[in-house]
C-alpha atoms as a PDB file:
ATOM      1  CA  MET A   1     130.965 -38.549 -19.141  1.00  0.00           C
ATOM      2  CA  PRO A   2     132.088 -42.030 -19.810  1.00  0.00           C
ATOM      3  CA  LEU A   3     135.501 -41.030 -20.430  1.00  0.00           C
ATOM      4  CA  PHE A   4     135.547 -38.844 -17.389  1.00  0.00           C
ATOM      5  CA  ILE A   5     134.408 -42.315 -15.051  1.00  0.00           C
ATOM      6  CA  ALA A   6     137.562 -44.525 -17.162  1.00  0.00           C
ATOM      7  CA  LEU A   7     139.929 -42.368 -16.263  1.00  0.00           C
ATOM      8  CA  PHE A   8     138.244 -41.487 -12.898  1.00  0.00           C
ATOM      9  CA  ILE A   9     138.392 -45.577 -12.120  1.00  0.00           C
ATOM     10  CA  LEU A  10     142.581 -45.851 -13.707  1.00  0.00           C
ATOM     11  CA  LEU A  11     143.363 -42.858 -11.569  1.00  0.00           C
ATOM     12  CA  THR A  12     141.916 -44.349  -8.495  1.00  0.00           C
ATOM     13  CA  ILE A  13     143.691 -47.836  -9.153  1.00  0.00           C
ATOM     14  CA  THR A  14     146.458 -46.460  -9.834  1.00  0.00           C
ATOM     15  CA  LEU A  15     146.850 -44.114  -7.129  1.00  0.00           C
ATOM     16  CA  SER A  16     146.019 -46.820  -4.314  1.00  0.00           C
ATOM     17  CA  LEU A  17     148.361 -49.104  -5.743  1.00  0.00           C
ATOM     18  CA  LEU A  18     151.386 -46.231  -5.119  1.00  0.00           C
ATOM     19  CA  PHE A  19     150.267 -46.111  -2.223  1.00  0.00           C
ATOM     20  CA  VAL A  20     150.076 -50.359  -1.910  1.00  0.00           C
ATOM     21  CA  HIS A  21     153.683 -50.125  -3.335  1.00  0.00           C
ATOM     22  CA  LEU A  22     155.128 -47.614  -0.299  1.00  0.00           C
ATOM     23  CA  ARG A  23     153.540 -49.722   2.024  1.00  0.00           C
ATOM     24  CA  PHE A  24     154.959 -52.449   1.445  1.00  0.00           C
ATOM     25  CA  ARG A  25     158.152 -51.660  -0.602  1.00  0.00           C
ATOM     26  CA  LEU A  26     157.350 -53.582  -3.746  1.00  0.00           C
ATOM     27  CA  ASN A  27     160.188 -53.955  -6.223  1.00  0.00           C
ATOM     28  CA  LEU A  28     159.926 -50.850  -8.528  1.00  0.00           C
ATOM     29  CA  LYS A  29     161.818 -52.897 -11.740  1.00  0.00           C
ATOM     30  CA  LEU A  30     159.230 -55.730 -11.246  1.00  0.00           C
ATOM     31  CA  ILE A  31     156.310 -52.976 -11.539  1.00  0.00           C
ATOM     32  CA  VAL A  32     157.263 -51.239 -14.211  1.00  0.00           C
ATOM     33  CA  ILE A  33     158.303 -54.495 -16.394  1.00  0.00           C
ATOM     34  CA  ALA A  34     154.864 -55.681 -15.143  1.00  0.00           C
ATOM     35  CA  ILE A  35     153.075 -53.041 -16.890  1.00  0.00           C
ATOM     36  CA  LEU A  36     154.973 -53.179 -19.948  1.00  0.00           C
ATOM     37  CA  ILE A  37     154.391 -57.213 -19.861  1.00  0.00           C
ATOM     38  CA  GLY A  38     150.350 -56.436 -19.873  1.00  0.00           C
ATOM     39  CA  PHE A  39     151.299 -53.579 -22.437  1.00  0.00           C
ATOM     40  CA  LEU A  40     153.050 -56.358 -24.852  1.00  0.00           C
ATOM     41  CA  ALA A  41     150.089 -59.257 -24.266  1.00  0.00           C
ATOM     42  CA  SER A  42     147.367 -56.710 -25.339  1.00  0.00           C
ATOM     43  CA  LEU A  43     148.961 -55.393 -28.124  1.00  0.00           C
ATOM     44  CA  VAL A  44     149.479 -59.348 -28.875  1.00  0.00           C
ATOM     45  CA  GLY A  45     145.948 -60.178 -27.931  1.00  0.00           C
ATOM     46  CA  ASP A  46     144.515 -57.206 -29.851  1.00  0.00           C
ATOM     47  CA  GLN A  47     146.393 -57.892 -32.993  1.00  0.00           C
ATOM     48  CA  MET A  48     145.287 -61.825 -33.542  1.00  0.00           C
ATOM     49  CA  LYS A  49     141.617 -60.427 -33.038  1.00  0.00           C
ATOM     50  CA  GLN A  50     142.276 -57.947 -35.849  1.00  0.00           C
ATOM     51  CA  MET A  51     144.217 -60.646 -37.857  1.00  0.00           C
ATOM     52  CA  GLY A  52     141.217 -63.218 -37.866  1.00  0.00           C
ATOM     53  CA  ILE A  53     138.858 -60.226 -38.495  1.00  0.00           C
ATOM     54  CA  ASN A  54     141.297 -59.150 -41.428  1.00  0.00           C
ATOM     55  CA  PHE A  55     141.682 -62.800 -43.200  1.00  0.00           C
ATOM     56  CA  GLY A  56     137.968 -63.248 -42.876  1.00  0.00           C
ATOM     57  CA  ILE A  57     138.777 -66.275 -40.037  1.00  0.00           C
ATOM     58  CA  ILE A  58     136.384 -64.784 -38.138  1.00  0.00           C
ATOM     59  CA  ASN A  59     132.706 -65.487 -39.176  1.00  0.00           C
ATOM     60  CA  LYS A  60     129.817 -64.339 -37.894  1.00  0.00           C
ATOM     61  CA  SER A  61     127.808 -67.134 -38.746  1.00  0.00           C
ATOM     62  CA  ASP A  62     129.529 -69.669 -37.113  1.00  0.00           C
ATOM     63  CA  PRO A  63     129.251 -68.731 -33.167  1.00  0.00           C
ATOM     64  CA  ILE A  64     131.308 -71.531 -31.949  1.00  0.00           C
ATOM     65  CA  PHE A  65     134.126 -71.583 -34.314  1.00  0.00           C
ATOM     66  CA  ASN A  66     134.159 -67.798 -32.973  1.00  0.00           C
ATOM     67  CA  PHE A  67     134.403 -68.709 -29.520  1.00  0.00           C
ATOM     68  CA  ILE A  68     136.951 -71.481 -30.489  1.00  0.00           C
ATOM     69  CA  PHE A  69     139.064 -68.427 -31.982  1.00  0.00           C
ATOM     70  CA  SER A  70     138.649 -66.130 -28.925  1.00  0.00           C
ATOM     71  CA  LEU A  71     139.676 -68.835 -26.349  1.00  0.00           C
ATOM     72  CA  PHE A  72     142.511 -69.829 -28.292  1.00  0.00           C
ATOM     73  CA  ALA A  73     143.940 -67.177 -30.241  1.00  0.00           C
ATOM     74  CA  THR A  74     143.075 -64.218 -28.136  1.00  0.00           C
ATOM     75  CA  GLY A  75     142.887 -65.565 -24.800  1.00  0.00           C
ATOM     76  CA  LEU A  76     145.304 -67.561 -24.773  1.00  0.00           C
ATOM     77  CA  SER A  77     148.063 -65.674 -26.908  1.00  0.00           C
ATOM     78  CA  GLY A  78     147.487 -62.451 -24.652  1.00  0.00           C
ATOM     79  CA  GLN A  79     147.741 -64.582 -21.008  1.00  0.00           C
ATOM     80  CA  LEU A  80     150.214 -66.826 -22.138  1.00  0.00           C
ATOM     81  CA  ILE A  81     152.724 -64.079 -22.079  1.00  0.00           C
ATOM     82  CA  VAL A  82     151.152 -63.120 -19.079  1.00  0.00           C
ATOM     83  CA  PHE A  83     151.537 -65.683 -17.023  1.00  0.00           C
ATOM     84  CA  LEU A  84     154.865 -66.805 -18.433  1.00  0.00           C
ATOM     85  CA  PHE A  85     155.896 -63.408 -17.229  1.00  0.00           C
ATOM     86  CA  ILE A  86     155.222 -64.140 -13.737  1.00  0.00           C
ATOM     87  CA  LYS A  87     156.219 -67.438 -13.646  1.00  0.00           C
ATOM     88  CA  ILE A  88     160.052 -66.802 -14.522  1.00  0.00           C
ATOM     89  CA  LEU A  89     160.426 -63.087 -13.150  1.00  0.00           C
ATOM     90  CA  ILE A  90     158.002 -62.554 -10.378  1.00  0.00           C
ATOM     91  CA  TYR A  91     157.171 -66.061  -8.918  1.00  0.00           C
ATOM     92  CA  PRO A  92     160.901 -67.275  -7.856  1.00  0.00           C
ATOM     93  CA  SER A  93     161.543 -63.622  -7.049  1.00  0.00           C
ATOM     94  CA  ARG A  94     163.076 -62.680  -3.320  1.00  0.00           C
ATOM     95  CA  HIS A  95     160.336 -59.646  -3.341  1.00  0.00           C
ATOM     96  CA  PHE A  96     157.160 -62.243  -3.430  1.00  0.00           C
ATOM     97  CA  LYS A  97     157.543 -62.202   0.403  1.00  0.00           C
ATOM     98  CA  MET A  98     153.899 -62.178   1.309  1.00  0.00           C
ATOM     99  CA  PRO A  99     150.392 -64.183  -0.625  1.00  0.00           C
ATOM    100  CA  VAL A 100     149.129 -60.666  -1.122  1.00  0.00           C
ATOM    101  CA  PHE A 101     152.498 -59.429  -3.388  1.00  0.00           C
ATOM    102  CA  GLY A 102     150.830 -61.730  -6.377  1.00  0.00           C
ATOM    103  CA  LEU A 103     147.441 -60.038  -6.026  1.00  0.00           C
ATOM    104  CA  ILE A 104     148.855 -56.819  -6.471  1.00  0.00           C
ATOM    105  CA  TYR A 105     151.633 -57.333  -9.213  1.00  0.00           C
ATOM    106  CA  CYS A 106     149.122 -59.023 -11.414  1.00  0.00           C
ATOM    107  CA  VAL A 107     147.309 -55.866 -10.698  1.00  0.00           C
ATOM    108  CA  TRP A 108     150.269 -53.652 -12.313  1.00  0.00           C
ATOM    109  CA  ILE A 109     149.649 -56.125 -15.031  1.00  0.00           C
ATOM    110  CA  SER A 110     146.537 -55.191 -15.931  1.00  0.00           C
ATOM    111  CA  ILE A 111     147.156 -51.585 -15.969  1.00  0.00           C
ATOM    112  CA  GLY A 112     149.300 -52.042 -18.660  1.00  0.00           C
ATOM    113  CA  PHE A 113     146.687 -54.316 -20.478  1.00  0.00           C
ATOM    114  CA  VAL A 114     144.149 -51.859 -20.541  1.00  0.00           C
ATOM    115  CA  LEU A 115     146.293 -49.180 -21.228  1.00  0.00           C
ATOM    116  CA  PRO A 116     146.059 -49.495 -25.053  1.00  0.00           C
ATOM    117  CA  GLU A 117     142.063 -49.898 -24.681  1.00  0.00           C
ATOM    118  CA  PHE A 118     142.118 -46.376 -23.012  1.00  0.00           C
ATOM    119  CA  LEU A 119     144.175 -44.748 -25.114  1.00  0.00           C
ATOM    120  CA  THR A 120     141.909 -45.547 -27.991  1.00  0.00           C
ATOM    121  CA  MET A 121     138.677 -45.140 -26.248  1.00  0.00           C
ATOM    122  CA  ASN A 122     136.818 -42.353 -27.236  1.00  0.00           C
ATOM    123  CA  GLU A 123     132.632 -41.596 -27.438  1.00  0.00           C
ATOM    124  CA  LYS A 124     132.480 -43.811 -31.102  1.00  0.00           C
ATOM    125  CA  THR A 125     133.743 -47.230 -29.207  1.00  0.00           C
ATOM    126  CA  TYR A 126     131.366 -48.061 -27.014  1.00  0.00           C
ATOM    127  CA  PRO A 127     133.116 -46.461 -23.553  1.00  0.00           C
ATOM    128  CA  LEU A 128     130.795 -48.212 -21.452  1.00  0.00           C
ATOM    129  CA  ILE A 129     131.747 -51.309 -22.768  1.00  0.00           C
ATOM    130  CA  ASN A 130     135.552 -50.211 -22.011  1.00  0.00           C
ATOM    131  CA  ILE A 131     134.854 -49.119 -18.972  1.00  0.00           C
ATOM    132  CA  LEU A 132     133.473 -52.836 -17.888  1.00  0.00           C
ATOM    133  CA  ASN A 133     136.651 -54.301 -20.231  1.00  0.00           C
ATOM    134  CA  ILE A 134     139.158 -52.233 -17.799  1.00  0.00           C
ATOM    135  CA  LEU A 135     137.131 -53.591 -14.335  1.00  0.00           C
ATOM    136  CA  GLY A 136     137.083 -57.086 -16.023  1.00  0.00           C
ATOM    137  CA  HIS A 137     140.840 -57.336 -16.870  1.00  0.00           C
ATOM    138  CA  ILE A 138     141.730 -55.881 -13.724  1.00  0.00           C
ATOM    139  CA  SER A 139     139.680 -58.942 -11.637  1.00  0.00           C
ATOM    140  CA  MET A 140     141.282 -61.571 -14.306  1.00  0.00           C
ATOM    141  CA  SER A 141     144.417 -60.467 -12.886  1.00  0.00           C
ATOM    142  CA  MET A 142     143.509 -61.112  -9.802  1.00  0.00           C
ATOM    143  CA  ILE A 143     142.213 -64.032 -10.270  1.00  0.00           C
ATOM    144  CA  LEU A 144     145.363 -65.368 -11.518  1.00  0.00           C
ATOM    145  CA  GLY A 145     147.678 -63.550  -8.610  1.00  0.00           C
ATOM    146  CA  TYR A 146     145.139 -65.615  -5.850  1.00  0.00           C
ATOM    147  CA  PHE A 147     146.101 -68.804  -7.605  1.00  0.00           C
ATOM    148  CA  ILE A 148     149.931 -67.513  -8.037  1.00  0.00           C
ATOM    149  CA  SER A 149     149.924 -66.719  -4.195  1.00  0.00           C
ATOM    150  CA  MET A 150     148.537 -70.039  -3.193  1.00  0.00           C
ATOM    151  CA  ALA A 151     150.885 -71.830  -5.524  1.00  0.00           C
ATOM    152  CA  LYS A 152     153.631 -69.825  -4.075  1.00  0.00           C
ATOM    153  CA  PHE A 153     152.981 -70.620  -0.792  1.00  0.00           C
ATOM    154  CA  SER A 154     152.166 -74.227  -0.818  1.00  0.00           C
ATOM    155  CA  GLU A 155     154.587 -76.521   0.358  1.00  0.00           C
ATOM    156  CA  ASP A 156     152.603 -79.477  -2.089  1.00  0.00           C
ATOM    157  CA  ALA A 157     154.171 -79.771  -4.907  1.00  0.00           C
ATOM    158  CA  LYS A 158     151.015 -81.342  -6.435  1.00  0.00           C
ATOM    159  CA  GLN A 159     149.082 -78.869  -5.000  1.00  0.00           C
ATOM    160  CA  ASN A 160     151.675 -76.113  -6.426  1.00  0.00           C
ATOM    161  CA  PHE A 161     150.772 -77.652  -9.957  1.00  0.00           C
ATOM    162  CA  THR A 162     147.307 -77.638  -9.411  1.00  0.00           C
ATOM    163  CA  TYR A 163     147.163 -73.816  -8.278  1.00  0.00           C
ATOM    164  CA  LEU A 164     149.917 -72.971 -11.535  1.00  0.00           C
ATOM    165  CA  ASN A 165     147.341 -74.653 -13.818  1.00  0.00           C
ATOM    166  CA  THR A 166     144.107 -73.346 -12.804  1.00  0.00           C
ATOM    167  CA  GLY A 167     145.199 -70.106 -12.808  1.00  0.00           C
ATOM    168  CA  LEU A 168     146.146 -70.236 -16.191  1.00  0.00           C
ATOM    169  CA  GLY A 169     143.191 -72.085 -17.451  1.00  0.00           C
ATOM    170  CA  SER A 170     140.728 -69.684 -15.781  1.00  0.00           C
ATOM    171  CA  ILE A 171     142.012 -66.176 -16.927  1.00  0.00           C
ATOM    172  CA  ILE A 172     142.354 -68.018 -20.751  1.00  0.00           C
ATOM    173  CA  LEU A 173     138.333 -68.782 -20.270  1.00  0.00           C
ATOM    174  CA  ILE A 174     137.295 -65.758 -19.297  1.00  0.00           C
ATOM    175  CA  GLN A 175     139.693 -63.813 -21.330  1.00  0.00           C
ATOM    176  CA  GLY A 176     138.112 -66.076 -24.108  1.00  0.00           C
ATOM    177  CA  LEU A 177     134.447 -65.860 -23.144  1.00  0.00           C
ATOM    178  CA  HIS A 178     134.953 -61.958 -22.922  1.00  0.00           C
ATOM    179  CA  GLU A 179     136.505 -61.426 -26.051  1.00  0.00           C
ATOM    180  CA  PHE A 180     133.833 -63.332 -27.656  1.00  0.00           C
ATOM    181  CA  PHE A 181     130.722 -61.775 -26.289  1.00  0.00           C
ATOM    182  CA  ILE A 182     132.416 -58.326 -27.786  1.00  0.00           C
ATOM    183  CA  LEU A 183     132.989 -60.279 -31.006  1.00  0.00           C
ATOM    184  CA  GLU A 184     129.428 -61.502 -31.183  1.00  0.00           C
ATOM    185  CA  ARG A 185     127.655 -57.769 -29.598  1.00  0.00           C
ATOM    186  CA  GLN A 186     126.208 -59.936 -26.901  1.00  0.00           C
ATOM    187  CA  PHE A 187     127.061 -56.845 -24.491  1.00  0.00           C
ATOM    188  CA  PRO A 188     123.979 -58.463 -21.846  1.00  0.00           C
ATOM    189  CA  ASN A 189     126.448 -61.423 -21.354  1.00  0.00           C
ATOM    190  CA  LEU A 190     129.550 -59.660 -21.177  1.00  0.00           C
ATOM    191  CA  ILE A 191     128.175 -57.324 -18.256  1.00  0.00           C
ATOM    192  CA  VAL A 192     127.414 -60.517 -16.477  1.00  0.00           C
ATOM    193  CA  LEU A 193     130.554 -61.943 -17.067  1.00  0.00           C
ATOM    194  CA  MET A 194     132.457 -58.820 -15.284  1.00  0.00           C
ATOM    195  CA  LEU A 195     129.943 -58.598 -12.284  1.00  0.00           C
ATOM    196  CA  GLY A 196     130.327 -62.612 -12.064  1.00  0.00           C
ATOM    197  CA  THR A 197     134.602 -62.429 -12.494  1.00  0.00           C
ATOM    198  CA  SER A 198     134.289 -58.895 -10.201  1.00  0.00           C
ATOM    199  CA  PHE A 199     132.755 -60.992  -7.780  1.00  0.00           C
ATOM    200  CA  LEU A 200     134.797 -64.016  -7.673  1.00  0.00           C
ATOM    201  CA  THR A 201     137.805 -62.078  -7.188  1.00  0.00           C
ATOM    202  CA  LEU A 202     136.176 -60.428  -3.997  1.00  0.00           C
ATOM    203  CA  MET A 203     135.784 -63.651  -2.607  1.00  0.00           C
ATOM    204  CA  LEU A 204     139.399 -64.900  -3.454  1.00  0.00           C
ATOM    205  CA  THR A 205     141.148 -61.697  -2.254  1.00  0.00           C
ATOM    206  CA  ALA A 206     139.276 -62.384   1.340  1.00  0.00           C
ATOM    207  CA  HIS A 207     140.246 -65.958   1.118  1.00  0.00           C
ATOM    208  CA  LEU A 208     143.532 -65.073   0.229  1.00  0.00           C
ATOM    209  CA  LEU A 209     143.611 -62.034   2.955  1.00  0.00           C
ATOM    210  CA  ARG A 210     142.634 -64.543   5.811  1.00  0.00           C
ATOM    211  CA  GLN A 211     144.685 -67.225   4.878  1.00  0.00           C
ATOM    212  CA  GLN A 212     147.657 -64.588   5.090  1.00  0.00           C
ATOM    213  CA  LYS A 213     146.216 -63.430   8.653  1.00  0.00           C
ATOM    214  CA  ALA A 214     146.133 -67.281   9.686  1.00  0.00           C
ATOM    215  CA  GLU A 215     149.568 -67.480   8.614  1.00  0.00           C
ATOM    216  CA  GLN A 216     151.292 -64.573   9.974  1.00  0.00           C
ATOM    217  CA  ASN A 217     149.199 -65.430  13.591  1.00  0.00           C
ATOM    218  CA  ASP A 218     150.948 -68.947  13.319  1.00  0.00           C
ATOM    219  CA  SER A 219     154.389 -67.338  13.108  1.00  0.00           C
ATOM    220  CA  ASN A 220     153.700 -64.924  15.589  1.00  0.00           C
ATOM    221  CA  ASN A 221     153.112 -68.016  18.015  1.00  0.00           C
ATOM    222  CA  SER A 222     155.674 -70.393  16.885  1.00  0.00           C
ATOM    223  CA  LYS A 223     157.852 -67.578  17.870  1.00  0.00           C
ATOM    224  CA  ILE A 224     156.116 -66.943  21.576  1.00  0.00           C
ATOM    225  CA  ASN A 225     156.470 -70.953  21.713  1.00  0.00           C
ATOM    226  CA  ASP A 226     160.638 -70.657  20.614  1.00  0.00           C
ATOM    227  CA  LEU A 227     161.054 -67.837  23.492  1.00  0.00           C
ATOM    228  CA  TYR A 228     158.989 -69.782  26.578  1.00  0.00           C
ATOM    229  CA  PRO A 229     159.067 -73.024  25.802  1.00  0.00           C
ATOM    230  CA  ASN A 230     158.010 -73.758  29.221  1.00  0.00           C
ATOM    231  CA  GLU A 231     154.608 -72.334  29.186  1.00  0.00           C
ATOM    232  CA  GLN A 232     151.952 -74.136  27.589  1.00  0.00           C
END
């Protein structure tokens, strides 16, 4: 049953993204690359964690060190790849036309990010936790997408810098906590983290959509004023 639920969630999100793609005509090449980058970032993070286990770096008797390892080795290694891809290819792209596009491209990255975990999921690998991981990674990507969009459409250079670094720092911290709770088998804390991340994602998404709508209204009013300059 948990495997069926995970498959249903992944298919639902993928179909929703395909609908959005048809609605907004996103760049298909960027979408494919985004999925591949997410897949690569996930493999790198998993490999770093496995290296820590194989070489005895991870020590269950030292939770503080495990947290530092999770933060820098797994969180930074995987999410930095995602961030650099977005900054180099998506951020300056002419296809990044609306703030909501930042969310959409980042969700496609998260689809690639959860694919390795989904493909290896079975009844012996805590399927409920894997389901939470899928939702958590999507939420993390959308948080990054929010800050990327805010930076992209900000006219203030200082705010631009702040948004980008806040987005990167946020997902590294969340990813690090995520991996740490798994290593320490602190599953109740993992559930709280995923629920909190999902709630934050909803709030940030709502704010971004409101801001985009306000900007569209301002743009429409400006066009009307240009057409009828004498009417106040």
